[in-house]
């Protein structure tokens, strides 16, 4: 397993989550892995994928996803549940993809679980699945024309 430095130190789960989505939008695997805990019990489930357990499996999956560079992913409808040492965030992720017919927005529901400790806050679980309909998304009225 590559030695993944835990810097920068995320002082809140919200900071860690902002860095997570920024890393995806930038296609920055190193930043993305600094958000993840180095605990071998971390887990990740991508839409339609299998459960991946362990830092190596999680890193390999994100490396494959980001192989083509940045991913235009935006989060909306953030809902959080905080406790002293953990934070659960449920979000709607919007991915804009180009098709022959133009742009299409794919909506996914995601759950991100963060744990806090002496080295700051880090992601221990990311679970995303494609939304079956857009009714919940429509409540947020945030489907973007342009993602940045």
C-alpha atoms as a PDB file:
ATOM      1  CA  UNK A   1       0.000   0.000   0.000  1.00  0.00           C
ATOM      2  CA  UNK A   2       1.366   3.451  -0.827  1.00  0.00           C
ATOM      3  CA  UNK A   3       2.216   5.627   2.131  1.00  0.00           C
ATOM      4  CA  UNK A   4      -0.635   8.140   2.149  1.00  0.00           C
ATOM      5  CA  UNK A   5       0.110  11.243   4.220  1.00  0.00           C
ATOM      6  CA  UNK A   6      -2.765  12.401   6.370  1.00  0.00           C
ATOM      7  CA  UNK A   7      -2.106  16.092   5.679  1.00  0.00           C
ATOM      8  CA  UNK A   8      -3.933  18.341   5.441  1.00  0.00           C
ATOM      9  CA  UNK A   9      -5.575  17.875   8.801  1.00  0.00           C
ATOM     10  CA  UNK A  10      -9.348  18.198   8.452  1.00  0.00           C
ATOM     11  CA  UNK A  11     -10.685  19.805  11.615  1.00  0.00           C
ATOM     12  CA  UNK A  12     -14.333  19.016  10.774  1.00  0.00           C
ATOM     13  CA  UNK A  13     -16.217  16.390   8.817  1.00  0.00           C
ATOM     14  CA  UNK A  14     -17.524  19.196   6.589  1.00  0.00           C
ATOM     15  CA  UNK A  15     -13.938  20.156   5.671  1.00  0.00           C
ATOM     16  CA  UNK A  16     -13.138  16.541   4.843  1.00  0.00           C
ATOM     17  CA  UNK A  17     -16.259  16.245   2.688  1.00  0.00           C
ATOM     18  CA  UNK A  18     -15.493  19.466   0.821  1.00  0.00           C
ATOM     19  CA  UNK A  19     -11.992  18.126   0.078  1.00  0.00           C
ATOM     20  CA  UNK A  20     -13.455  14.770  -1.036  1.00  0.00           C
ATOM     21  CA  UNK A  21     -15.711  16.340  -3.658  1.00  0.00           C
ATOM     22  CA  UNK A  22     -13.057  18.865  -4.685  1.00  0.00           C
ATOM     23  CA  UNK A  23     -10.622  16.005  -5.297  1.00  0.00           C
ATOM     24  CA  UNK A  24     -13.171  14.218  -7.505  1.00  0.00           C
ATOM     25  CA  UNK A  25     -13.888  17.384  -9.498  1.00  0.00           C
ATOM     26  CA  UNK A  26     -10.140  17.985  -9.942  1.00  0.00           C
ATOM     27  CA  UNK A  27      -9.331  14.349 -10.677  1.00  0.00           C
ATOM     28  CA  UNK A  28      -6.776  14.457  -7.833  1.00  0.00           C
ATOM     29  CA  UNK A  29      -6.312  10.911  -6.521  1.00  0.00           C
ATOM     30  CA  UNK A  30      -3.709  11.932  -3.928  1.00  0.00           C
ATOM     31  CA  UNK A  31      -5.998  14.541  -2.352  1.00  0.00           C
ATOM     32  CA  UNK A  32      -8.894  12.098  -2.492  1.00  0.00           C
ATOM     33  CA  UNK A  33      -6.910   9.461  -0.603  1.00  0.00           C
ATOM     34  CA  UNK A  34      -5.823  11.997   2.050  1.00  0.00           C
ATOM     35  CA  UNK A  35      -9.520  12.341   2.887  1.00  0.00           C
ATOM     36  CA  UNK A  36      -9.873   8.591   3.437  1.00  0.00           C
ATOM     37  CA  UNK A  37      -8.878   7.015   6.733  1.00  0.00           C
ATOM     38  CA  UNK A  38      -5.884   4.690   6.563  1.00  0.00           C
ATOM     39  CA  UNK A  39      -7.816   2.145   8.651  1.00  0.00           C
ATOM     40  CA  UNK A  40      -8.095  -1.132   6.726  1.00  0.00           C
ATOM     41  CA  UNK A  41     -11.802  -1.332   7.622  1.00  0.00           C
ATOM     42  CA  UNK A  42     -12.777   1.499   5.251  1.00  0.00           C
ATOM     43  CA  UNK A  43     -15.410   0.582   2.679  1.00  0.00           C
ATOM     44  CA  UNK A  44     -16.669   1.996  -0.590  1.00  0.00           C
ATOM     45  CA  UNK A  45     -19.575   1.012  -2.834  1.00  0.00           C
ATOM     46  CA  UNK A  46     -19.849   2.755  -6.200  1.00  0.00           C
ATOM     47  CA  UNK A  47     -23.197   2.816  -8.063  1.00  0.00           C
ATOM     48  CA  UNK A  48     -23.893  -0.690  -9.343  1.00  0.00           C
ATOM     49  CA  UNK A  49     -20.596  -1.944  -7.939  1.00  0.00           C
ATOM     50  CA  UNK A  50     -19.496  -4.399  -5.335  1.00  0.00           C
ATOM     51  CA  UNK A  51     -18.446  -3.598  -1.787  1.00  0.00           C
ATOM     52  CA  UNK A  52     -14.763  -2.703  -1.606  1.00  0.00           C
ATOM     53  CA  UNK A  53     -13.035  -3.072   1.760  1.00  0.00           C
ATOM     54  CA  UNK A  54      -9.588  -1.785   2.638  1.00  0.00           C
ATOM     55  CA  UNK A  55      -7.486   1.171   1.578  1.00  0.00           C
ATOM     56  CA  UNK A  56      -5.860  -0.643  -1.365  1.00  0.00           C
ATOM     57  CA  UNK A  57      -9.202  -1.686  -2.880  1.00  0.00           C
ATOM     58  CA  UNK A  58     -10.684   1.777  -2.372  1.00  0.00           C
ATOM     59  CA  UNK A  59      -7.639   3.477  -3.913  1.00  0.00           C
ATOM     60  CA  UNK A  60      -7.628   1.138  -6.922  1.00  0.00           C
ATOM     61  CA  UNK A  61     -11.309   1.839  -7.611  1.00  0.00           C
ATOM     62  CA  UNK A  62     -10.866   5.611  -7.479  1.00  0.00           C
ATOM     63  CA  UNK A  63      -7.716   5.384  -9.586  1.00  0.00           C
ATOM     64  CA  UNK A  64      -9.747   3.628 -12.274  1.00  0.00           C
ATOM     65  CA  UNK A  65     -12.609   6.123 -12.019  1.00  0.00           C
ATOM     66  CA  UNK A  66     -10.270   9.120 -12.218  1.00  0.00           C
ATOM     67  CA  UNK A  67      -8.037   7.625 -14.947  1.00  0.00           C
ATOM     68  CA  UNK A  68      -9.660   9.939 -17.488  1.00  0.00           C
ATOM     69  CA  UNK A  69      -9.249  12.997 -15.275  1.00  0.00           C
ATOM     70  CA  UNK A  70     -11.660  15.232 -13.450  1.00  0.00           C
ATOM     71  CA  UNK A  71     -15.237  14.146 -12.860  1.00  0.00           C
ATOM     72  CA  UNK A  72     -17.945  16.832 -13.055  1.00  0.00           C
ATOM     73  CA  UNK A  73     -19.719  15.848  -9.842  1.00  0.00           C
ATOM     74  CA  UNK A  74     -21.757  18.225  -7.726  1.00  0.00           C
ATOM     75  CA  UNK A  75     -23.425  17.552  -4.391  1.00  0.00           C
ATOM     76  CA  UNK A  76     -26.787  18.987  -3.381  1.00  0.00           C
ATOM     77  CA  UNK A  77     -29.382  18.259  -0.729  1.00  0.00           C
ATOM     78  CA  UNK A  78     -26.816  17.651   1.995  1.00  0.00           C
ATOM     79  CA  UNK A  79     -28.221  16.216   5.228  1.00  0.00           C
ATOM     80  CA  UNK A  80     -25.905  15.605   8.178  1.00  0.00           C
ATOM     81  CA  UNK A  81     -26.066  13.799  11.489  1.00  0.00           C
ATOM     82  CA  UNK A  82     -23.172  14.634  13.823  1.00  0.00           C
ATOM     83  CA  UNK A  83     -21.968  13.132  17.063  1.00  0.00           C
ATOM     84  CA  UNK A  84     -18.769  13.717  19.007  1.00  0.00           C
ATOM     85  CA  UNK A  85     -16.585  11.378  16.946  1.00  0.00           C
ATOM     86  CA  UNK A  86     -18.620  10.549  13.845  1.00  0.00           C
ATOM     87  CA  UNK A  87     -20.628  12.299  11.193  1.00  0.00           C
ATOM     88  CA  UNK A  88     -22.993  10.813   8.614  1.00  0.00           C
ATOM     89  CA  UNK A  89     -23.720  12.842   5.488  1.00  0.00           C
ATOM     90  CA  UNK A  90     -26.356  11.902   2.945  1.00  0.00           C
ATOM     91  CA  UNK A  91     -26.190  13.832  -0.300  1.00  0.00           C
ATOM     92  CA  UNK A  92     -27.460  13.843  -3.829  1.00  0.00           C
ATOM     93  CA  UNK A  93     -24.581  13.648  -6.283  1.00  0.00           C
ATOM     94  CA  UNK A  94     -25.141  15.052  -9.753  1.00  0.00           C
ATOM     95  CA  UNK A  95     -22.879  13.854 -12.541  1.00  0.00           C
ATOM     96  CA  UNK A  96     -23.055  15.584 -15.923  1.00  0.00           C
ATOM     97  CA  UNK A  97     -22.214  13.338 -18.848  1.00  0.00           C
ATOM     98  CA  UNK A  98     -22.066  14.126 -22.544  1.00  0.00           C
ATOM     99  CA  UNK A  99     -24.099  12.004 -24.924  1.00  0.00           C
ATOM    100  CA  UNK A 100     -24.782  12.191 -28.649  1.00  0.00           C
ATOM    101  CA  UNK A 101     -28.044  13.916 -27.768  1.00  0.00           C
ATOM    102  CA  UNK A 102     -26.321  16.495 -25.551  1.00  0.00           C
ATOM    103  CA  UNK A 103     -25.684  16.679 -21.829  1.00  0.00           C
ATOM    104  CA  UNK A 104     -27.403  14.434 -19.338  1.00  0.00           C
ATOM    105  CA  UNK A 105     -27.494  14.696 -15.549  1.00  0.00           C
ATOM    106  CA  UNK A 106     -27.267  11.440 -13.602  1.00  0.00           C
ATOM    107  CA  UNK A 107     -28.388  11.654  -9.987  1.00  0.00           C
ATOM    108  CA  UNK A 108     -27.074   9.376  -7.262  1.00  0.00           C
ATOM    109  CA  UNK A 109     -27.800   9.148  -3.571  1.00  0.00           C
ATOM    110  CA  UNK A 110     -24.660   8.878  -1.468  1.00  0.00           C
ATOM    111  CA  UNK A 111     -23.877   8.277   2.175  1.00  0.00           C
ATOM    112  CA  UNK A 112     -20.509   9.404   3.521  1.00  0.00           C
ATOM    113  CA  UNK A 113     -19.421   8.448   7.031  1.00  0.00           C
ATOM    114  CA  UNK A 114     -16.569  10.329   8.721  1.00  0.00           C
ATOM    115  CA  UNK A 115     -14.760   9.541  11.956  1.00  0.00           C
ATOM    116  CA  UNK A 116     -12.881  12.098  14.006  1.00  0.00           C
ATOM    117  CA  UNK A 117      -9.735  11.391  15.956  1.00  0.00           C
ATOM    118  CA  UNK A 118      -6.295  12.741  16.852  1.00  0.00           C
ATOM    119  CA  UNK A 119      -5.385  13.036  13.153  1.00  0.00           C
ATOM    120  CA  UNK A 120      -8.577  14.948  12.304  1.00  0.00           C
ATOM    121  CA  UNK A 121     -11.655  13.820  10.412  1.00  0.00           C
ATOM    122  CA  UNK A 122     -11.450  11.153   7.716  1.00  0.00           C
ATOM    123  CA  UNK A 123     -13.837   9.270   5.464  1.00  0.00           C
ATOM    124  CA  UNK A 124     -14.468   5.640   6.434  1.00  0.00           C
ATOM    125  CA  UNK A 125     -17.438   4.800   4.172  1.00  0.00           C
ATOM    126  CA  UNK A 126     -18.736   6.092   0.845  1.00  0.00           C
ATOM    127  CA  UNK A 127     -21.809   4.343  -0.558  1.00  0.00           C
ATOM    128  CA  UNK A 128     -23.490   5.671  -3.694  1.00  0.00           C
ATOM    129  CA  UNK A 129     -26.367   4.328  -5.760  1.00  0.00           C
ATOM    130  CA  UNK A 130     -28.173   5.736  -8.755  1.00  0.00           C
ATOM    131  CA  UNK A 131     -31.425   7.498  -7.897  1.00  0.00           C
ATOM    132  CA  UNK A 132     -34.421   5.684  -9.346  1.00  0.00           C
ATOM    133  CA  UNK A 133     -36.306   8.876 -10.077  1.00  0.00           C
ATOM    134  CA  UNK A 134     -35.799  12.600  -9.867  1.00  0.00           C
ATOM    135  CA  UNK A 135     -38.621  13.466  -7.433  1.00  0.00           C
ATOM    136  CA  UNK A 136     -36.288  14.110  -4.495  1.00  0.00           C
ATOM    137  CA  UNK A 137     -33.832  15.957  -6.723  1.00  0.00           C
ATOM    138  CA  UNK A 138     -36.586  18.189  -8.098  1.00  0.00           C
ATOM    139  CA  UNK A 139     -37.328  19.392  -4.564  1.00  0.00           C
ATOM    140  CA  UNK A 140     -33.885  21.011  -4.504  1.00  0.00           C
ATOM    141  CA  UNK A 141     -34.312  22.858  -7.840  1.00  0.00           C
ATOM    142  CA  UNK A 142     -30.553  22.810  -8.299  1.00  0.00           C
ATOM    143  CA  UNK A 143     -29.995  20.866 -11.497  1.00  0.00           C
ATOM    144  CA  UNK A 144     -27.150  22.907 -12.968  1.00  0.00           C
ATOM    145  CA  UNK A 145     -26.737  24.274 -16.452  1.00  0.00           C
ATOM    146  CA  UNK A 146     -22.975  24.333 -15.956  1.00  0.00           C
ATOM    147  CA  UNK A 147     -20.860  22.605 -13.371  1.00  0.00           C
ATOM    148  CA  UNK A 148     -17.587  24.157 -12.322  1.00  0.00           C
END
